[in-house]
Amino acid sequence: MRSLLLALATGLLLAGTAAAGSAPAAAPAVPKGPEAGFQDFARQWLSKLRGMEERRPRVAAGPGSLVFTYRDYADEFRTELQPTGKATAPYVGFLHYTERVYTCPTLEARECTVAATLPVTEIFRLRGGRWAY
């Protein structure tokens, strides 16, 4: 990490001594650590889940009548990262979020209410520099 910071500082100094009137050089991209990478992955994963949501209720037989339900996911989430000590998969990431189940009075209803909230934890591993399910 220290050598990366030294390289960045040297690059900035060299860019600052460039001829007057020239555009400043762009700083080199700093690779993301596992924490930031997992946060980005978690946002993308939840975005993919939300893209698969079906806002149209499903029909199921209930006690004495039909039940109309659908699911979605809360915006809030939390992540945890644990080192594994293994070079092939150095980290395991835990993604915690909430799934909500709605009930609706009819199939076309827009006045659905939250019937249940379910805590969900999904586990991913970092392998080959990529997060995988």
N, C-alpha and C. Protein backbone atom coordinates (compact mmCIF):
# COMPACT_ATOMS: atom_id res chain seq x y z
N MET A 1 0.84 -1.19 0.00
CA MET A 1 0.00 0.00 0.00
C MET A 1 0.88 1.25 0.00
N ARG A 2 1.95 1.19 0.79
CA ARG A 2 2.85 2.34 0.87
C ARG A 2 3.49 2.62 -0.48
N SER A 3 3.88 1.55 -1.20
CA SER A 3 4.50 1.76 -2.51
C SER A 3 3.50 2.33 -3.51
N LEU A 4 2.22 1.93 -3.40
CA LEU A 4 1.20 2.47 -4.28
C LEU A 4 1.02 3.97 -4.02
N LEU A 5 0.98 4.36 -2.75
CA LEU A 5 0.85 5.78 -2.41
C LEU A 5 2.06 6.57 -2.89
N LEU A 6 3.26 6.00 -2.75
CA LEU A 6 4.47 6.66 -3.20
C LEU A 6 4.44 6.85 -4.71
N ALA A 7 3.98 5.82 -5.44
CA ALA A 7 3.89 5.92 -6.90
C ALA A 7 2.88 6.99 -7.31
N LEU A 8 1.75 7.05 -6.61
CA LEU A 8 0.76 8.07 -6.91
C LEU A 8 1.31 9.47 -6.65
N ALA A 9 2.00 9.65 -5.54
CA ALA A 9 2.55 10.96 -5.19
C ALA A 9 3.60 11.38 -6.22
N THR A 10 4.45 10.44 -6.64
CA THR A 10 5.47 10.73 -7.64
C THR A 10 4.82 11.13 -8.95
N GLY A 11 3.79 10.40 -9.35
CA GLY A 11 3.07 10.73 -10.58
C GLY A 11 2.46 12.11 -10.53
N LEU A 12 1.89 12.47 -9.39
CA LEU A 12 1.29 13.80 -9.26
C LEU A 12 2.35 14.89 -9.31
N LEU A 13 3.51 14.64 -8.69
CA LEU A 13 4.59 15.63 -8.74
C LEU A 13 5.08 15.83 -10.16
N LEU A 14 5.27 14.73 -10.89
CA LEU A 14 5.72 14.83 -12.27
C LEU A 14 4.69 15.55 -13.12
N ALA A 15 3.42 15.28 -12.90
CA ALA A 15 2.36 15.95 -13.66
C ALA A 15 2.35 17.44 -13.35
N GLY A 16 2.66 17.80 -12.12
CA GLY A 16 2.66 19.21 -11.72
C GLY A 16 3.81 19.99 -12.32
N THR A 17 4.89 19.30 -12.72
CA THR A 17 6.03 19.99 -13.31
C THR A 17 5.96 20.02 -14.83
N ALA A 18 4.85 19.59 -15.40
CA ALA A 18 4.70 19.62 -16.86
C ALA A 18 4.69 21.06 -17.33
N ALA A 19 4.93 21.22 -18.61
CA ALA A 19 5.01 22.57 -19.19
C ALA A 19 3.71 23.33 -18.94
N ALA A 20 3.84 24.63 -18.72
CA ALA A 20 2.66 25.47 -18.49
C ALA A 20 1.76 25.44 -19.71
N GLY A 21 0.47 25.46 -19.48
CA GLY A 21 -0.49 25.45 -20.57
C GLY A 21 -0.93 24.06 -20.96
N SER A 22 -0.25 23.03 -20.50
CA SER A 22 -0.68 21.67 -20.85
C SER A 22 -1.72 21.21 -19.83
N ALA A 23 -2.58 20.32 -20.26
CA ALA A 23 -3.64 19.80 -19.38
C ALA A 23 -3.01 18.92 -18.32
N PRO A 24 -3.53 18.96 -17.08
CA PRO A 24 -2.98 18.11 -16.03
C PRO A 24 -3.22 16.64 -16.36
N ALA A 25 -2.25 15.82 -16.00
CA ALA A 25 -2.36 14.38 -16.26
C ALA A 25 -3.37 13.77 -15.31
N ALA A 26 -4.12 12.79 -15.79
CA ALA A 26 -5.09 12.09 -14.95
C ALA A 26 -4.35 11.16 -14.01
N ALA A 27 -4.82 11.10 -12.78
CA ALA A 27 -4.22 10.18 -11.81
C ALA A 27 -4.55 8.75 -12.21
N PRO A 28 -3.61 7.83 -12.02
CA PRO A 28 -3.89 6.43 -12.38
C PRO A 28 -5.01 5.88 -11.50
N ALA A 29 -5.77 4.96 -12.06
CA ALA A 29 -6.88 4.35 -11.31
C ALA A 29 -6.32 3.52 -10.16
N VAL A 30 -6.90 3.69 -9.01
CA VAL A 30 -6.50 2.92 -7.84
C VAL A 30 -7.41 1.71 -7.74
N PRO A 31 -6.84 0.50 -7.68
CA PRO A 31 -7.70 -0.68 -7.61
C PRO A 31 -8.53 -0.68 -6.32
N LYS A 32 -9.76 -1.16 -6.43
CA LYS A 32 -10.64 -1.22 -5.26
C LYS A 32 -10.25 -2.38 -4.37
N GLY A 33 -10.37 -2.15 -3.07
CA GLY A 33 -10.14 -3.23 -2.12
C GLY A 33 -11.36 -4.14 -2.08
N PRO A 34 -11.26 -5.25 -1.37
CA PRO A 34 -12.38 -6.19 -1.33
C PRO A 34 -13.65 -5.60 -0.74
N GLU A 35 -13.53 -4.69 0.24
CA GLU A 35 -14.73 -4.11 0.86
C GLU A 35 -15.51 -3.27 -0.15
N ALA A 36 -14.82 -2.36 -0.82
CA ALA A 36 -15.48 -1.50 -1.80
C ALA A 36 -16.00 -2.33 -2.98
N GLY A 37 -15.22 -3.31 -3.40
CA GLY A 37 -15.65 -4.17 -4.49
C GLY A 37 -16.91 -4.94 -4.15
N PHE A 38 -16.99 -5.42 -2.90
CA PHE A 38 -18.18 -6.17 -2.50
C PHE A 38 -19.39 -5.25 -2.37
N GLN A 39 -19.19 -4.02 -1.92
CA GLN A 39 -20.30 -3.05 -1.85
C GLN A 39 -20.86 -2.81 -3.26
N ASP A 40 -19.98 -2.62 -4.23
CA ASP A 40 -20.42 -2.42 -5.62
C ASP A 40 -21.16 -3.66 -6.12
N PHE A 41 -20.61 -4.83 -5.85
CA PHE A 41 -21.24 -6.09 -6.27
C PHE A 41 -22.62 -6.22 -5.65
N ALA A 42 -22.75 -5.91 -4.35
CA ALA A 42 -24.03 -6.03 -3.65
C ALA A 42 -25.08 -5.11 -4.28
N ARG A 43 -24.69 -3.88 -4.62
CA ARG A 43 -25.63 -2.95 -5.27
C ARG A 43 -26.10 -3.52 -6.61
N GLN A 44 -25.16 -4.07 -7.38
CA GLN A 44 -25.51 -4.65 -8.68
C GLN A 44 -26.40 -5.87 -8.51
N TRP A 45 -26.11 -6.70 -7.52
CA TRP A 45 -26.90 -7.91 -7.27
C TRP A 45 -28.34 -7.53 -6.92
N LEU A 46 -28.51 -6.57 -6.02
CA LEU A 46 -29.85 -6.14 -5.64
C LEU A 46 -30.57 -5.47 -6.80
N SER A 47 -29.85 -4.73 -7.62
CA SER A 47 -30.46 -4.13 -8.80
C SER A 47 -30.97 -5.21 -9.75
N LYS A 48 -30.20 -6.28 -9.89
CA LYS A 48 -30.63 -7.40 -10.73
C LYS A 48 -31.87 -8.06 -10.14
N LEU A 49 -31.90 -8.24 -8.82
CA LEU A 49 -33.09 -8.82 -8.17
C LEU A 49 -34.31 -7.95 -8.40
N ARG A 50 -34.14 -6.64 -8.24
CA ARG A 50 -35.27 -5.73 -8.44
C ARG A 50 -35.75 -5.75 -9.89
N GLY A 51 -34.84 -5.97 -10.81
CA GLY A 51 -35.22 -6.06 -12.21
C GLY A 51 -36.06 -7.28 -12.52
N MET A 52 -35.96 -8.30 -11.67
CA MET A 52 -36.73 -9.52 -11.87
C MET A 52 -38.04 -9.52 -11.09
N GLU A 53 -38.28 -8.46 -10.30
CA GLU A 53 -39.51 -8.39 -9.52
C GLU A 53 -40.72 -8.39 -10.43
N GLU A 54 -41.74 -9.04 -10.00
CA GLU A 54 -43.00 -9.00 -10.72
C GLU A 54 -44.01 -8.28 -9.83
N ARG A 55 -44.37 -7.09 -10.23
CA ARG A 55 -45.33 -6.30 -9.45
C ARG A 55 -46.75 -6.82 -9.62
N ARG A 56 -46.92 -7.72 -10.54
CA ARG A 56 -48.26 -8.30 -10.71
C ARG A 56 -48.43 -9.44 -9.71
N PRO A 57 -49.45 -9.38 -8.90
CA PRO A 57 -49.64 -10.41 -7.87
C PRO A 57 -49.84 -11.82 -8.46
N ARG A 58 -49.40 -12.81 -7.71
CA ARG A 58 -49.64 -14.21 -8.03
C ARG A 58 -50.88 -14.66 -7.28
N VAL A 59 -51.53 -15.63 -7.80
CA VAL A 59 -52.77 -16.14 -7.20
C VAL A 59 -52.48 -17.48 -6.55
N ALA A 60 -52.97 -17.63 -5.32
CA ALA A 60 -52.84 -18.91 -4.61
C ALA A 60 -54.15 -19.15 -3.84
N ALA A 61 -54.41 -20.42 -3.59
CA ALA A 61 -55.61 -20.77 -2.82
C ALA A 61 -55.35 -20.46 -1.36
N GLY A 62 -56.26 -19.71 -0.75
CA GLY A 62 -56.17 -19.40 0.66
C GLY A 62 -57.29 -20.08 1.41
N PRO A 63 -57.38 -19.87 2.70
CA PRO A 63 -58.46 -20.48 3.49
C PRO A 63 -59.81 -19.82 3.17
N GLY A 64 -60.56 -20.44 2.29
CA GLY A 64 -61.88 -19.93 1.96
C GLY A 64 -61.93 -18.96 0.80
N SER A 65 -60.80 -18.44 0.34
CA SER A 65 -60.79 -17.51 -0.79
C SER A 65 -59.41 -17.53 -1.45
N LEU A 66 -59.30 -16.82 -2.55
CA LEU A 66 -58.02 -16.70 -3.22
C LEU A 66 -57.15 -15.66 -2.53
N VAL A 67 -55.85 -15.86 -2.59
CA VAL A 67 -54.89 -14.93 -2.01
C VAL A 67 -54.00 -14.41 -3.14
N PHE A 68 -53.81 -13.10 -3.19
CA PHE A 68 -52.99 -12.47 -4.22
C PHE A 68 -51.76 -11.87 -3.55
N THR A 69 -50.58 -12.30 -3.96
CA THR A 69 -49.35 -11.84 -3.32
C THR A 69 -48.29 -11.49 -4.37
N TYR A 70 -47.35 -10.64 -3.97
CA TYR A 70 -46.13 -10.43 -4.73
C TYR A 70 -45.02 -10.06 -3.76
N ARG A 71 -43.78 -10.11 -4.25
CA ARG A 71 -42.60 -9.83 -3.41
C ARG A 71 -41.79 -8.70 -4.01
N ASP A 72 -41.09 -7.98 -3.13
CA ASP A 72 -40.07 -7.03 -3.58
C ASP A 72 -38.99 -6.94 -2.51
N TYR A 73 -38.02 -6.08 -2.74
CA TYR A 73 -36.86 -6.01 -1.86
C TYR A 73 -36.66 -4.59 -1.36
N ALA A 74 -36.35 -4.46 -0.09
CA ALA A 74 -36.09 -3.16 0.52
C ALA A 74 -34.82 -2.56 -0.08
N ASP A 75 -34.72 -1.25 -0.07
CA ASP A 75 -33.54 -0.57 -0.60
C ASP A 75 -32.32 -0.75 0.30
N GLU A 76 -32.53 -0.86 1.59
CA GLU A 76 -31.44 -0.94 2.54
C GLU A 76 -30.82 -2.33 2.50
N PHE A 77 -29.50 -2.36 2.64
CA PHE A 77 -28.80 -3.63 2.76
C PHE A 77 -27.55 -3.41 3.61
N ARG A 78 -26.97 -4.52 4.04
CA ARG A 78 -25.76 -4.48 4.88
C ARG A 78 -24.85 -5.58 4.38
N THR A 79 -23.54 -5.33 4.41
CA THR A 79 -22.58 -6.34 3.98
C THR A 79 -21.59 -6.63 5.10
N GLU A 80 -21.06 -7.84 5.05
CA GLU A 80 -19.97 -8.25 5.95
C GLU A 80 -18.93 -8.95 5.09
N LEU A 81 -17.69 -8.85 5.47
CA LEU A 81 -16.61 -9.51 4.76
C LEU A 81 -15.79 -10.31 5.76
N GLN A 82 -15.50 -11.56 5.43
CA GLN A 82 -14.69 -12.41 6.30
C GLN A 82 -13.53 -12.98 5.49
N PRO A 83 -12.30 -12.85 5.98
CA PRO A 83 -11.18 -13.50 5.30
C PRO A 83 -11.26 -15.01 5.51
N THR A 84 -10.84 -15.76 4.50
CA THR A 84 -10.89 -17.23 4.60
C THR A 84 -9.53 -17.84 4.89
N GLY A 85 -8.46 -17.10 4.59
CA GLY A 85 -7.13 -17.67 4.75
C GLY A 85 -6.73 -18.57 3.57
N LYS A 86 -7.56 -18.62 2.55
CA LYS A 86 -7.31 -19.45 1.37
C LYS A 86 -6.96 -18.54 0.19
N ALA A 87 -5.89 -18.84 -0.50
CA ALA A 87 -5.47 -18.01 -1.63
C ALA A 87 -6.45 -18.09 -2.79
N THR A 88 -7.10 -19.22 -2.99
CA THR A 88 -8.02 -19.38 -4.13
C THR A 88 -9.31 -18.60 -3.95
N ALA A 89 -9.74 -18.40 -2.72
CA ALA A 89 -10.94 -17.61 -2.41
C ALA A 89 -10.67 -16.88 -1.10
N PRO A 90 -9.97 -15.73 -1.19
CA PRO A 90 -9.50 -15.07 0.04
C PRO A 90 -10.57 -14.45 0.92
N TYR A 91 -11.76 -14.20 0.38
CA TYR A 91 -12.83 -13.58 1.18
C TYR A 91 -14.17 -14.23 0.89
N VAL A 92 -15.01 -14.19 1.91
CA VAL A 92 -16.42 -14.55 1.78
C VAL A 92 -17.20 -13.31 2.18
N GLY A 93 -18.19 -12.96 1.35
CA GLY A 93 -19.02 -11.80 1.62
C GLY A 93 -20.44 -12.21 1.96
N PHE A 94 -21.01 -11.56 2.96
CA PHE A 94 -22.39 -11.80 3.37
C PHE A 94 -23.20 -10.58 3.02
N LEU A 95 -24.27 -10.78 2.27
CA LEU A 95 -25.18 -9.69 1.89
C LEU A 95 -26.49 -9.89 2.63
N HIS A 96 -26.86 -8.91 3.46
CA HIS A 96 -28.09 -8.97 4.26
C HIS A 96 -29.07 -7.93 3.71
N TYR A 97 -30.27 -8.36 3.40
CA TYR A 97 -31.31 -7.45 2.93
C TYR A 97 -32.67 -8.00 3.35
N THR A 98 -33.72 -7.27 3.04
CA THR A 98 -35.07 -7.66 3.44
C THR A 98 -35.95 -7.87 2.22
N GLU A 99 -36.64 -9.00 2.21
CA GLU A 99 -37.64 -9.27 1.19
C GLU A 99 -39.00 -8.98 1.80
N ARG A 100 -39.84 -8.28 1.06
CA ARG A 100 -41.19 -7.96 1.55
C ARG A 100 -42.21 -8.74 0.74
N VAL A 101 -43.20 -9.29 1.43
CA VAL A 101 -44.30 -10.00 0.78
C VAL A 101 -45.55 -9.14 0.96
N TYR A 102 -46.20 -8.84 -0.15
CA TYR A 102 -47.41 -8.02 -0.14
C TYR A 102 -48.62 -8.90 -0.43
N THR A 103 -49.75 -8.57 0.20
CA THR A 103 -51.02 -9.20 -0.15
C THR A 103 -51.92 -8.13 -0.74
N CYS A 104 -52.77 -8.57 -1.69
CA CYS A 104 -53.64 -7.65 -2.41
C CYS A 104 -55.07 -8.20 -2.37
N PRO A 105 -56.07 -7.31 -2.29
CA PRO A 105 -57.45 -7.79 -2.23
C PRO A 105 -57.93 -8.42 -3.55
N THR A 106 -57.37 -7.96 -4.68
CA THR A 106 -57.74 -8.52 -5.99
C THR A 106 -56.49 -8.59 -6.85
N LEU A 107 -56.61 -9.25 -7.97
CA LEU A 107 -55.48 -9.39 -8.88
C LEU A 107 -55.05 -8.04 -9.47
N GLU A 108 -55.99 -7.14 -9.70
CA GLU A 108 -55.68 -5.84 -10.29
C GLU A 108 -55.45 -4.74 -9.25
N ALA A 109 -55.51 -5.08 -8.01
CA ALA A 109 -55.47 -4.07 -6.94
C ALA A 109 -54.15 -3.30 -6.92
N ARG A 110 -54.26 -2.04 -6.56
CA ARG A 110 -53.08 -1.19 -6.35
C ARG A 110 -52.90 -0.90 -4.85
N GLU A 111 -53.85 -1.30 -4.03
CA GLU A 111 -53.81 -1.04 -2.59
C GLU A 111 -53.28 -2.27 -1.84
N CYS A 112 -52.14 -2.75 -2.21
CA CYS A 112 -51.56 -3.92 -1.54
C CYS A 112 -50.87 -3.49 -0.26
N THR A 113 -50.80 -4.40 0.69
CA THR A 113 -50.16 -4.11 1.98
C THR A 113 -49.08 -5.14 2.27
N VAL A 114 -48.10 -4.71 3.04
CA VAL A 114 -47.01 -5.62 3.43
C VAL A 114 -47.57 -6.64 4.41
N ALA A 115 -47.49 -7.91 4.05
CA ALA A 115 -47.97 -8.98 4.91
C ALA A 115 -46.84 -9.58 5.74
N ALA A 116 -45.62 -9.52 5.21
CA ALA A 116 -44.48 -10.09 5.93
C ALA A 116 -43.19 -9.47 5.43
N THR A 117 -42.22 -9.41 6.31
CA THR A 117 -40.86 -9.03 5.92
C THR A 117 -39.96 -10.19 6.30
N LEU A 118 -39.10 -10.56 5.38
CA LEU A 118 -38.24 -11.72 5.58
C LEU A 118 -36.78 -11.29 5.48
N PRO A 119 -36.00 -11.51 6.54
CA PRO A 119 -34.57 -11.19 6.43
C PRO A 119 -33.90 -12.25 5.54
N VAL A 120 -33.04 -11.78 4.64
CA VAL A 120 -32.33 -12.67 3.73
C VAL A 120 -30.84 -12.44 3.88
N THR A 121 -30.08 -13.53 3.93
CA THR A 121 -28.62 -13.46 3.90
C THR A 121 -28.14 -14.33 2.76
N GLU A 122 -27.37 -13.74 1.87
CA GLU A 122 -26.77 -14.50 0.78
C GLU A 122 -25.26 -14.46 0.96
N ILE A 123 -24.62 -15.56 0.59
CA ILE A 123 -23.18 -15.70 0.78
C ILE A 123 -22.50 -15.80 -0.58
N PHE A 124 -21.43 -15.02 -0.75
CA PHE A 124 -20.67 -14.99 -2.00
C PHE A 124 -19.20 -15.18 -1.67
N ARG A 125 -18.43 -15.65 -2.63
CA ARG A 125 -16.99 -15.78 -2.42
C ARG A 125 -16.24 -14.97 -3.47
N LEU A 126 -15.09 -14.47 -3.07
CA LEU A 126 -14.21 -13.76 -3.99
C LEU A 126 -13.26 -14.80 -4.57
N ARG A 127 -13.36 -15.02 -5.87
CA ARG A 127 -12.52 -16.04 -6.52
C ARG A 127 -12.02 -15.47 -7.84
N GLY A 128 -10.73 -15.49 -8.03
CA GLY A 128 -10.15 -14.94 -9.25
C GLY A 128 -10.42 -13.47 -9.43
N GLY A 129 -10.53 -12.74 -8.30
CA GLY A 129 -10.77 -11.30 -8.36
C GLY A 129 -12.23 -10.92 -8.62
N ARG A 130 -13.14 -11.90 -8.67
CA ARG A 130 -14.55 -11.62 -8.94
C ARG A 130 -15.41 -12.26 -7.85
N TRP A 131 -16.52 -11.58 -7.54
CA TRP A 131 -17.46 -12.12 -6.58
C TRP A 131 -18.38 -13.10 -7.28
N ALA A 132 -18.61 -14.26 -6.66
CA ALA A 132 -19.44 -15.30 -7.28
C ALA A 132 -20.41 -15.85 -6.24
N TYR A 133 -21.56 -16.30 -6.73
CA TYR A 133 -22.60 -16.87 -5.87
C TYR A 133 -22.23 -18.28 -5.49
